[in-house]
Amino acid sequence: IRRYLMVSAMGVRDPAARGPEMRPYYEAKLEADEAL
């Protein structure tokens, strides 16, 4: 299957800027985007 759409989030560019509570989420999303 070639076609893959990812629902990411605008905050992935700077996970640290989102605060300690949200940082793990944005870091995980960023890594997923990079893997795709």
PDB file of all heavy atoms in Angstrom:
ATOM      1  N   ILE A   1       0.857  -1.189   0.000  1.00  0.00           N
ATOM      2  CA  ILE A   1       0.000   0.000   0.000  1.00  0.00           C
ATOM      3  C   ILE A   1       0.894   1.241   0.000  1.00  0.00           C
ATOM      4  O   ILE A   1       1.683   1.441   0.928  1.00  0.00           O
ATOM      5  CB  ILE A   1      -0.932   0.005   1.231  1.00  0.00           C
ATOM      6  CG1 ILE A   1      -1.843  -1.221   1.209  1.00  0.00           C
ATOM      7  CG2 ILE A   1      -1.767   1.287   1.274  1.00  0.00           C
ATOM      8  CD1 ILE A   1      -2.609  -1.452   2.493  1.00  0.00           C
ATOM      9  N   ARG A   2       0.793   2.054  -1.030  1.00  0.00           N
ATOM     10  CA  ARG A   2       1.705   3.191  -1.188  1.00  0.00           C
ATOM     11  C   ARG A   2       1.235   4.458  -0.473  1.00  0.00           C
ATOM     12  O   ARG A   2       2.047   5.231   0.016  1.00  0.00           O
ATOM     13  CB  ARG A   2       1.869   3.508  -2.684  1.00  0.00           C
ATOM     14  CG  ARG A   2       2.473   2.399  -3.507  1.00  0.00           C
ATOM     15  CD  ARG A   2       3.940   2.216  -3.201  1.00  0.00           C
ATOM     16  NE  ARG A   2       4.664   3.482  -3.225  1.00  0.00           N
ATOM     17  CZ  ARG A   2       5.853   3.665  -2.645  1.00  0.00           C
ATOM     18  NH1 ARG A   2       6.440   2.681  -2.001  1.00  0.00           N
ATOM     19  NH2 ARG A   2       6.453   4.843  -2.710  1.00  0.00           N
ATOM     20  N   ARG A   3      -0.070   4.699  -0.441  1.00  0.00           N
ATOM     21  CA  ARG A   3      -0.586   6.008  -0.015  1.00  0.00           C
ATOM     22  C   ARG A   3      -0.826   6.040   1.487  1.00  0.00           C
ATOM     23  O   ARG A   3      -1.552   5.200   2.037  1.00  0.00           O
ATOM     24  CB  ARG A   3      -1.891   6.297  -0.769  1.00  0.00           C
ATOM     25  CG  ARG A   3      -2.331   7.753  -0.721  1.00  0.00           C
ATOM     26  CD  ARG A   3      -1.453   8.637  -1.570  1.00  0.00           C
ATOM     27  NE  ARG A   3      -1.988  10.003  -1.634  1.00  0.00           N
ATOM     28  CZ  ARG A   3      -1.528  11.009  -0.889  1.00  0.00           C
ATOM     29  NH1 ARG A   3      -0.531  10.826  -0.052  1.00  0.00           N
ATOM     30  NH2 ARG A   3      -2.058  12.205  -1.009  1.00  0.00           N
ATOM     31  N   TYR A   4      -0.250   7.034   2.152  1.00  0.00           N
ATOM     32  CA  TYR A   4      -0.330   7.140   3.623  1.00  0.00           C
ATOM     33  C   TYR A   4      -0.498   8.607   3.989  1.00  0.00           C
ATOM     34  O   TYR A   4       0.363   9.437   3.705  1.00  0.00           O
ATOM     35  CB  TYR A   4       0.964   6.584   4.227  1.00  0.00           C
ATOM     36  CG  TYR A   4       0.981   6.357   5.725  1.00  0.00           C
ATOM     37  CD1 TYR A   4       1.323   5.108   6.246  1.00  0.00           C
ATOM     38  CD2 TYR A   4       0.713   7.385   6.625  1.00  0.00           C
ATOM     39  CE1 TYR A   4       1.381   4.887   7.623  1.00  0.00           C
ATOM     40  CE2 TYR A   4       0.761   7.172   8.000  1.00  0.00           C
ATOM     41  CZ  TYR A   4       1.099   5.916   8.490  1.00  0.00           C
ATOM     42  OH  TYR A   4       1.160   5.706   9.856  1.00  0.00           O
ATOM     43  N   LEU A   5      -1.614   8.919   4.622  1.00  0.00           N
ATOM     44  CA  LEU A   5      -1.866  10.270   5.129  1.00  0.00           C
ATOM     45  C   LEU A   5      -1.699  10.277   6.637  1.00  0.00           C
ATOM     46  O   LEU A   5      -2.215   9.399   7.346  1.00  0.00           O
ATOM     47  CB  LEU A   5      -3.289  10.722   4.783  1.00  0.00           C
ATOM     48  CG  LEU A   5      -3.504  11.423   3.441  1.00  0.00           C
ATOM     49  CD1 LEU A   5      -3.118  10.506   2.296  1.00  0.00           C
ATOM     50  CD2 LEU A   5      -4.944  11.880   3.298  1.00  0.00           C
ATOM     51  N   MET A   6      -0.994  11.270   7.133  1.00  0.00           N
ATOM     52  CA  MET A   6      -0.755  11.411   8.563  1.00  0.00           C
ATOM     53  C   MET A   6      -1.447  12.666   9.091  1.00  0.00           C
ATOM     54  O   MET A   6      -1.266  13.757   8.534  1.00  0.00           O
ATOM     55  CB  MET A   6       0.747  11.531   8.828  1.00  0.00           C
ATOM     56  CG  MET A   6       1.117  11.784  10.290  1.00  0.00           C
ATOM     57  SD  MET A   6       1.059  10.273  11.260  1.00  0.00           S
ATOM     58  CE  MET A   6       2.649   9.556  10.803  1.00  0.00           C
ATOM     59  N   VAL A   7      -2.223  12.501  10.154  1.00  0.00           N
ATOM     60  CA  VAL A   7      -2.767  13.658  10.853  1.00  0.00           C
ATOM     61  C   VAL A   7      -1.773  14.021  11.952  1.00  0.00           C
ATOM     62  O   VAL A   7      -1.636  13.311  12.948  1.00  0.00           O
ATOM     63  CB  VAL A   7      -4.153  13.370  11.450  1.00  0.00           C
ATOM     64  CG1 VAL A   7      -4.693  14.621  12.149  1.00  0.00           C
ATOM     65  CG2 VAL A   7      -5.122  12.911  10.369  1.00  0.00           C
ATOM     66  N   SER A   8      -1.063  15.112  11.752  1.00  0.00           N
ATOM     67  CA  SER A   8      -0.051  15.556  12.700  1.00  0.00           C
ATOM     68  C   SER A   8      -0.586  16.767  13.480  1.00  0.00           C
ATOM     69  O   SER A   8      -1.777  16.829  13.776  1.00  0.00           O
ATOM     70  CB  SER A   8       1.242  15.881  11.935  1.00  0.00           C
ATOM     71  OG  SER A   8       2.279  16.225  12.815  1.00  0.00           O
ATOM     72  N   ALA A   9       0.260  17.716  13.791  1.00  0.00           N
ATOM     73  CA  ALA A   9      -0.157  18.909  14.535  1.00  0.00           C
ATOM     74  C   ALA A   9       0.859  20.019  14.293  1.00  0.00           C
ATOM     75  O   ALA A   9       2.053  19.761  14.142  1.00  0.00           O
ATOM     76  CB  ALA A   9      -0.251  18.605  16.032  1.00  0.00           C
ATOM     77  N   MET A  10       0.382  21.255  14.255  1.00  0.00           N
ATOM     78  CA  MET A  10       1.274  22.371  13.969  1.00  0.00           C
ATOM     79  C   MET A  10       2.395  22.505  14.992  1.00  0.00           C
ATOM     80  O   MET A  10       3.476  22.979  14.680  1.00  0.00           O
ATOM     81  CB  MET A  10       0.482  23.677  13.880  1.00  0.00           C
ATOM     82  CG  MET A  10      -0.256  23.833  12.560  1.00  0.00           C
ATOM     83  SD  MET A  10      -1.149  25.413  12.403  1.00  0.00           S
ATOM     84  CE  MET A  10       0.208  26.582  12.385  1.00  0.00           C
ATOM     85  N   GLY A  11       2.149  22.058  16.227  1.00  0.00           N
ATOM     86  CA  GLY A  11       3.142  22.243  17.278  1.00  0.00           C
ATOM     87  C   GLY A  11       4.369  21.368  17.203  1.00  0.00           C
ATOM     88  O   GLY A  11       5.284  21.506  18.021  1.00  0.00           O
ATOM     89  N   VAL A  12       4.443  20.467  16.205  1.00  0.00           N
ATOM     90  CA  VAL A  12       5.572  19.529  16.179  1.00  0.00           C
ATOM     91  C   VAL A  12       6.899  20.220  15.867  1.00  0.00           C
ATOM     92  O   VAL A  12       7.961  19.668  16.154  1.00  0.00           O
ATOM     93  CB  VAL A  12       5.356  18.389  15.147  1.00  0.00           C
ATOM     94  CG1 VAL A  12       4.126  17.583  15.488  1.00  0.00           C
ATOM     95  CG2 VAL A  12       5.285  18.927  13.736  1.00  0.00           C
ATOM     96  N   ARG A  13       6.858  21.413  15.307  1.00  0.00           N
ATOM     97  CA  ARG A  13       8.114  22.070  14.946  1.00  0.00           C
ATOM     98  C   ARG A  13       8.970  22.420  16.152  1.00  0.00           C
ATOM     99  O   ARG A  13      10.182  22.471  16.060  1.00  0.00           O
ATOM    100  CB  ARG A  13       7.820  23.341  14.150  1.00  0.00           C
ATOM    101  CG  ARG A  13       7.483  23.061  12.702  1.00  0.00           C
ATOM    102  CD  ARG A  13       7.706  24.298  11.854  1.00  0.00           C
ATOM    103  NE  ARG A  13       7.438  23.980  10.467  1.00  0.00           N
ATOM    104  CZ  ARG A  13       6.225  24.000   9.933  1.00  0.00           C
ATOM    105  NH1 ARG A  13       5.191  24.340  10.671  1.00  0.00           N
ATOM    106  NH2 ARG A  13       6.052  23.682   8.662  1.00  0.00           N
ATOM    107  N   ASP A  14       8.319  22.662  17.282  1.00  0.00           N
ATOM    108  CA  ASP A  14       9.062  23.037  18.487  1.00  0.00           C
ATOM    109  C   ASP A  14       8.376  22.443  19.708  1.00  0.00           C
ATOM    110  O   ASP A  14       7.692  23.142  20.455  1.00  0.00           O
ATOM    111  CB  ASP A  14       9.144  24.563  18.593  1.00  0.00           C
ATOM    112  CG  ASP A  14      10.073  25.027  19.713  1.00  0.00           C
ATOM    113  OD1 ASP A  14      10.709  24.164  20.352  1.00  0.00           O
ATOM    114  OD2 ASP A  14      10.166  26.249  19.949  1.00  0.00           O
ATOM    115  N   PRO A  15       8.559  21.131  19.925  1.00  0.00           N
ATOM    116  CA  PRO A  15       7.869  20.471  21.042  1.00  0.00           C
ATOM    117  C   PRO A  15       8.147  21.118  22.398  1.00  0.00           C
ATOM    118  O   PRO A  15       7.259  21.193  23.253  1.00  0.00           O
ATOM    119  CB  PRO A  15       8.403  19.035  20.994  1.00  0.00           C
ATOM    120  CG  PRO A  15       8.797  18.838  19.573  1.00  0.00           C
ATOM    121  CD  PRO A  15       9.330  20.171  19.128  1.00  0.00           C
ATOM    122  N   ALA A  16       9.364  21.605  22.607  1.00  0.00           N
ATOM    123  CA  ALA A  16       9.720  22.184  23.902  1.00  0.00           C
ATOM    124  C   ALA A  16       8.916  23.424  24.216  1.00  0.00           C
ATOM    125  O   ALA A  16       8.675  23.747  25.391  1.00  0.00           O
ATOM    126  CB  ALA A  16      11.214  22.501  23.927  1.00  0.00           C
ATOM    127  N   ALA A  17       8.462  24.115  23.177  1.00  0.00           N
ATOM    128  CA  ALA A  17       7.717  25.358  23.392  1.00  0.00           C
ATOM    129  C   ALA A  17       6.304  25.104  23.906  1.00  0.00           C
ATOM    130  O   ALA A  17       5.627  26.042  24.335  1.00  0.00           O
ATOM    131  CB  ALA A  17       7.652  26.146  22.092  1.00  0.00           C
ATOM    132  N   ARG A  18       5.877  23.856  23.887  1.00  0.00           N
ATOM    133  CA  ARG A  18       4.502  23.536  24.270  1.00  0.00           C
ATOM    134  C   ARG A  18       4.354  23.205  25.751  1.00  0.00           C
ATOM    135  O   ARG A  18       3.269  22.857  26.202  1.00  0.00           O
ATOM    136  CB  ARG A  18       4.006  22.359  23.422  1.00  0.00           C
ATOM    137  CG  ARG A  18       4.055  22.653  21.933  1.00  0.00           C
ATOM    138  CD  ARG A  18       3.061  23.714  21.545  1.00  0.00           C
ATOM    139  NE  ARG A  18       3.312  24.261  20.228  1.00  0.00           N
ATOM    140  CZ  ARG A  18       2.405  24.913  19.515  1.00  0.00           C
ATOM    141  NH1 ARG A  18       1.190  25.082  20.012  1.00  0.00           N
ATOM    142  NH2 ARG A  18       2.709  25.413  18.333  1.00  0.00           N
ATOM    143  N   GLY A  19       5.452  23.280  26.497  1.00  0.00           N
ATOM    144  CA  GLY A  19       5.384  23.009  27.920  1.00  0.00           C
ATOM    145  C   GLY A  19       5.636  21.555  28.240  1.00  0.00           C
ATOM    146  O   GLY A  19       5.491  20.680  27.376  1.00  0.00           O
ATOM    147  N   PRO A  20       6.017  21.264  29.481  1.00  0.00           N
ATOM    148  CA  PRO A  20       6.408  19.890  29.848  1.00  0.00           C
ATOM    149  C   PRO A  20       5.277  18.876  29.712  1.00  0.00           C
ATOM    150  O   PRO A  20       5.534  17.700  29.432  1.00  0.00           O
ATOM    151  CB  PRO A  20       6.864  20.036  31.303  1.00  0.00           C
ATOM    152  CG  PRO A  20       6.244  21.312  31.790  1.00  0.00           C
ATOM    153  CD  PRO A  20       6.158  22.213  30.603  1.00  0.00           C
ATOM    154  N   GLU A  21       4.044  19.300  29.898  1.00  0.00           N
ATOM    155  CA  GLU A  21       2.932  18.349  29.840  1.00  0.00           C
ATOM    156  C   GLU A  21       2.668  17.889  28.412  1.00  0.00           C
ATOM    157  O   GLU A  21       2.402  16.706  28.158  1.00  0.00           O
ATOM    158  CB  GLU A  21       1.661  18.981  30.424  1.00  0.00           C
ATOM    159  CG  GLU A  21       0.494  18.009  30.492  1.00  0.00           C
ATOM    160  CD  GLU A  21      -0.723  18.601  31.174  1.00  0.00           C
ATOM    161  OE1 GLU A  21      -0.583  19.617  31.878  1.00  0.00           O
ATOM    162  OE2 GLU A  21      -1.819  18.045  31.003  1.00  0.00           O
ATOM    163  N   MET A  22       2.750  18.815  27.460  1.00  0.00           N
ATOM    164  CA  MET A  22       2.434  18.490  26.068  1.00  0.00           C
ATOM    165  C   MET A  22       3.659  18.060  25.262  1.00  0.00           C
ATOM    166  O   MET A  22       3.519  17.500  24.171  1.00  0.00           O
ATOM    167  CB  MET A  22       1.777  19.689  25.390  1.00  0.00           C
ATOM    168  CG  MET A  22       0.389  20.008  25.900  1.00  0.00           C
ATOM    169  SD  MET A  22      -0.760  18.612  25.699  1.00  0.00           S
ATOM    170  CE  MET A  22      -0.807  18.448  23.908  1.00  0.00           C
ATOM    171  N   ARG A  23       4.837  18.311  25.804  1.00  0.00           N
ATOM    172  CA  ARG A  23       6.049  18.019  25.033  1.00  0.00           C
ATOM    173  C   ARG A  23       6.132  16.573  24.571  1.00  0.00           C
ATOM    174  O   ARG A  23       6.479  16.324  23.402  1.00  0.00           O
ATOM    175  CB  ARG A  23       7.283  18.400  25.846  1.00  0.00           C
ATOM    176  CG  ARG A  23       8.589  18.141  25.105  1.00  0.00           C
ATOM    177  CD  ARG A  23       9.771  18.720  25.847  1.00  0.00           C
ATOM    178  NE  ARG A  23      11.020  18.486  25.123  1.00  0.00           N
ATOM    179  CZ  ARG A  23      12.168  19.054  25.433  1.00  0.00           C
ATOM    180  NH1 ARG A  23      12.233  19.900  26.456  1.00  0.00           N
ATOM    181  NH2 ARG A  23      13.255  18.789  24.728  1.00  0.00           N
ATOM    182  N   PRO A  24       5.830  15.558  25.409  1.00  0.00           N
ATOM    183  CA  PRO A  24       5.920  14.171  24.938  1.00  0.00           C
ATOM    184  C   PRO A  24       5.015  13.886  23.740  1.00  0.00           C
ATOM    185  O   PRO A  24       5.385  13.117  22.842  1.00  0.00           O
ATOM    186  CB  PRO A  24       5.508  13.348  26.159  1.00  0.00           C
ATOM    187  CG  PRO A  24       5.828  14.229  27.325  1.00  0.00           C
ATOM    188  CD  PRO A  24       5.520  15.615  26.859  1.00  0.00           C
ATOM    189  N   TYR A  25       3.847  14.511  23.717  1.00  0.00           N
ATOM    190  CA  TYR A  25       2.931  14.314  22.593  1.00  0.00           C
ATOM    191  C   TYR A  25       3.534  14.852  21.298  1.00  0.00           C
ATOM    192  O   TYR A  25       3.576  14.153  20.278  1.00  0.00           O
ATOM    193  CB  TYR A  25       1.599  15.010  22.876  1.00  0.00           C
ATOM    194  CG  TYR A  25       0.718  15.143  21.662  1.00  0.00           C
ATOM    195  CD1 TYR A  25       0.048  14.049  21.127  1.00  0.00           C
ATOM    196  CD2 TYR A  25       0.549  16.384  21.036  1.00  0.00           C
ATOM    197  CE1 TYR A  25      -0.756  14.177  20.002  1.00  0.00           C
ATOM    198  CE2 TYR A  25      -0.248  16.518  19.916  1.00  0.00           C
ATOM    199  CZ  TYR A  25      -0.902  15.411  19.409  1.00  0.00           C
ATOM    200  OH  TYR A  25      -1.686  15.536  18.294  1.00  0.00           O
ATOM    201  N   TYR A  26       4.021  16.080  21.349  1.00  0.00           N
ATOM    202  CA  TYR A  26       4.563  16.686  20.129  1.00  0.00           C
ATOM    203  C   TYR A  26       5.865  16.011  19.690  1.00  0.00           C
ATOM    204  O   TYR A  26       6.132  15.912  18.492  1.00  0.00           O
ATOM    205  CB  TYR A  26       4.757  18.185  20.323  1.00  0.00           C
ATOM    206  CG  TYR A  26       3.453  18.939  20.324  1.00  0.00           C
ATOM    207  CD1 TYR A  26       2.909  19.463  21.491  1.00  0.00           C
ATOM    208  CD2 TYR A  26       2.724  19.108  19.150  1.00  0.00           C
ATOM    209  CE1 TYR A  26       1.703  20.136  21.486  1.00  0.00           C
ATOM    210  CE2 TYR A  26       1.516  19.780  19.136  1.00  0.00           C
ATOM    211  CZ  TYR A  26       1.004  20.292  20.302  1.00  0.00           C
ATOM    212  OH  TYR A  26      -0.201  20.954  20.296  1.00  0.00           O
ATOM    213  N   GLU A  27       6.641  15.543  20.648  1.00  0.00           N
ATOM    214  CA  GLU A  27       7.856  14.804  20.279  1.00  0.00           C
ATOM    215  C   GLU A  27       7.504  13.498  19.572  1.00  0.00           C
ATOM    216  O   GLU A  27       8.148  13.130  18.570  1.00  0.00           O
ATOM    217  CB  GLU A  27       8.704  14.534  21.524  1.00  0.00           C
ATOM    218  CG  GLU A  27       9.396  15.782  22.064  1.00  0.00           C
ATOM    219  CD  GLU A  27      10.211  15.513  23.316  1.00  0.00           C
ATOM    220  OE1 GLU A  27       9.917  14.514  24.025  1.00  0.00           O
ATOM    221  OE2 GLU A  27      11.122  16.300  23.597  1.00  0.00           O
ATOM    222  N   ALA A  28       6.481  12.803  20.080  1.00  0.00           N
ATOM    223  CA  ALA A  28       6.056  11.547  19.452  1.00  0.00           C
ATOM    224  C   ALA A  28       5.520  11.800  18.049  1.00  0.00           C
ATOM    225  O   ALA A  28       5.817  11.050  17.105  1.00  0.00           O
ATOM    226  CB  ALA A  28       4.997  10.862  20.314  1.00  0.00           C
ATOM    227  N   LYS A  29       4.724  12.864  17.899  1.00  0.00           N
ATOM    228  CA  LYS A  29       4.186  13.192  16.582  1.00  0.00           C
ATOM    229  C   LYS A  29       5.302  13.567  15.609  1.00  0.00           C
ATOM    230  O   LYS A  29       5.272  13.188  14.432  1.00  0.00           O
ATOM    231  CB  LYS A  29       3.174  14.338  16.692  1.00  0.00           C
ATOM    232  CG  LYS A  29       1.911  14.011  17.463  1.00  0.00           C
ATOM    233  CD  LYS A  29       1.121  12.873  16.843  1.00  0.00           C
ATOM    234  CE  LYS A  29       0.477  13.245  15.531  1.00  0.00           C
ATOM    235  NZ  LYS A  29      -0.318  12.117  14.972  1.00  0.00           N
ATOM    236  N   LEU A  30       6.287  14.318  16.079  1.00  0.00           N
ATOM    237  CA  LEU A  30       7.403  14.710  15.227  1.00  0.00           C
ATOM    238  C   LEU A  30       8.174  13.482  14.748  1.00  0.00           C
ATOM    239  O   LEU A  30       8.516  13.364  13.560  1.00  0.00           O
ATOM    240  CB  LEU A  30       8.336  15.661  15.973  1.00  0.00           C
ATOM    241  CG  LEU A  30       9.608  16.076  15.232  1.00  0.00           C
ATOM    242  CD1 LEU A  30       9.280  16.775  13.929  1.00  0.00           C
ATOM    243  CD2 LEU A  30      10.479  16.961  16.128  1.00  0.00           C
ATOM    244  N   GLU A  31       8.439  12.563  15.645  1.00  0.00           N
ATOM    245  CA  GLU A  31       9.171  11.349  15.268  1.00  0.00           C
ATOM    246  C   GLU A  31       8.364  10.511  14.272  1.00  0.00           C
ATOM    247  O   GLU A  31       8.932   9.916  13.342  1.00  0.00           O
ATOM    248  CB  GLU A  31       9.507  10.530  16.518  1.00  0.00           C
ATOM    249  CG  GLU A  31      10.560  11.185  17.408  1.00  0.00           C
ATOM    250  CD  GLU A  31      10.926  10.307  18.589  1.00  0.00           C
ATOM    251  OE1 GLU A  31      10.832   9.073  18.466  1.00  0.00           O
ATOM    252  OE2 GLU A  31      11.291  10.859  19.642  1.00  0.00           O
ATOM    253  N   ALA A  32       7.050  10.471  14.460  1.00  0.00           N
ATOM    254  CA  ALA A  32       6.203   9.736  13.521  1.00  0.00           C
ATOM    255  C   ALA A  32       6.231  10.388  12.145  1.00  0.00           C
ATOM    256  O   ALA A  32       6.320   9.702  11.117  1.00  0.00           O
ATOM    257  CB  ALA A  32       4.767   9.667  14.055  1.00  0.00           C
ATOM    258  N   ASP A  33       6.169  11.715  12.114  1.00  0.00           N
ATOM    259  CA  ASP A  33       6.225  12.437  10.834  1.00  0.00           C
ATOM    260  C   ASP A  33       7.548  12.144  10.117  1.00  0.00           C
ATOM    261  O   ASP A  33       7.582  11.912   8.903  1.00  0.00           O
ATOM    262  CB  ASP A  33       6.101  13.940  11.058  1.00  0.00           C
ATOM    263  CG  ASP A  33       4.715  14.365  11.523  1.00  0.00           C
ATOM    264  OD1 ASP A  33       3.822  13.503  11.605  1.00  0.00           O
ATOM    265  OD2 ASP A  33       4.538  15.569  11.812  1.00  0.00           O
ATOM    266  N   GLU A  34       8.625  12.184  10.869  1.00  0.00           N
ATOM    267  CA  GLU A  34       9.951  11.961  10.277  1.00  0.00           C
ATOM    268  C   GLU A  34      10.077  10.536   9.747  1.00  0.00           C
ATOM    269  O   GLU A  34      10.671  10.307   8.679  1.00  0.00           O
ATOM    270  CB  GLU A  34      11.036  12.264  11.307  1.00  0.00           C
ATOM    271  CG  GLU A  34      11.141  13.756  11.644  1.00  0.00           C
ATOM    272  CD  GLU A  34      12.108  14.053  12.777  1.00  0.00           C
ATOM    273  OE1 GLU A  34      12.442  13.114  13.543  1.00  0.00           O
ATOM    274  OE2 GLU A  34      12.516  15.212  12.907  1.00  0.00           O
ATOM    275  N   ALA A  35       9.521   9.579  10.482  1.00  0.00           N
ATOM    276  CA  ALA A  35       9.561   8.184  10.025  1.00  0.00           C
ATOM    277  C   ALA A  35       8.781   8.012   8.729  1.00  0.00           C
ATOM    278  O   ALA A  35       9.211   7.295   7.817  1.00  0.00           O
ATOM    279  CB  ALA A  35       9.016   7.260  11.111  1.00  0.00           C
ATOM    280  N   LEU A  36       7.627   8.668   8.638  1.00  0.00           N
ATOM    281  CA  LEU A  36       6.827   8.555   7.424  1.00  0.00           C
ATOM    282  C   LEU A  36       7.533   9.216   6.241  1.00  0.00           C
ATOM    283  O   LEU A  36       7.581   8.654   5.139  1.00  0.00           O
ATOM    284  CB  LEU A  36       5.452   9.183   7.639  1.00  0.00           C
ATOM    285  CG  LEU A  36       4.515   9.166   6.427  1.00  0.00           C
ATOM    286  CD1 LEU A  36       4.297   7.741   5.920  1.00  0.00           C
ATOM    287  CD2 LEU A  36       3.189   9.821   6.771  1.00  0.00           C
TER     288      LEU A  36
END
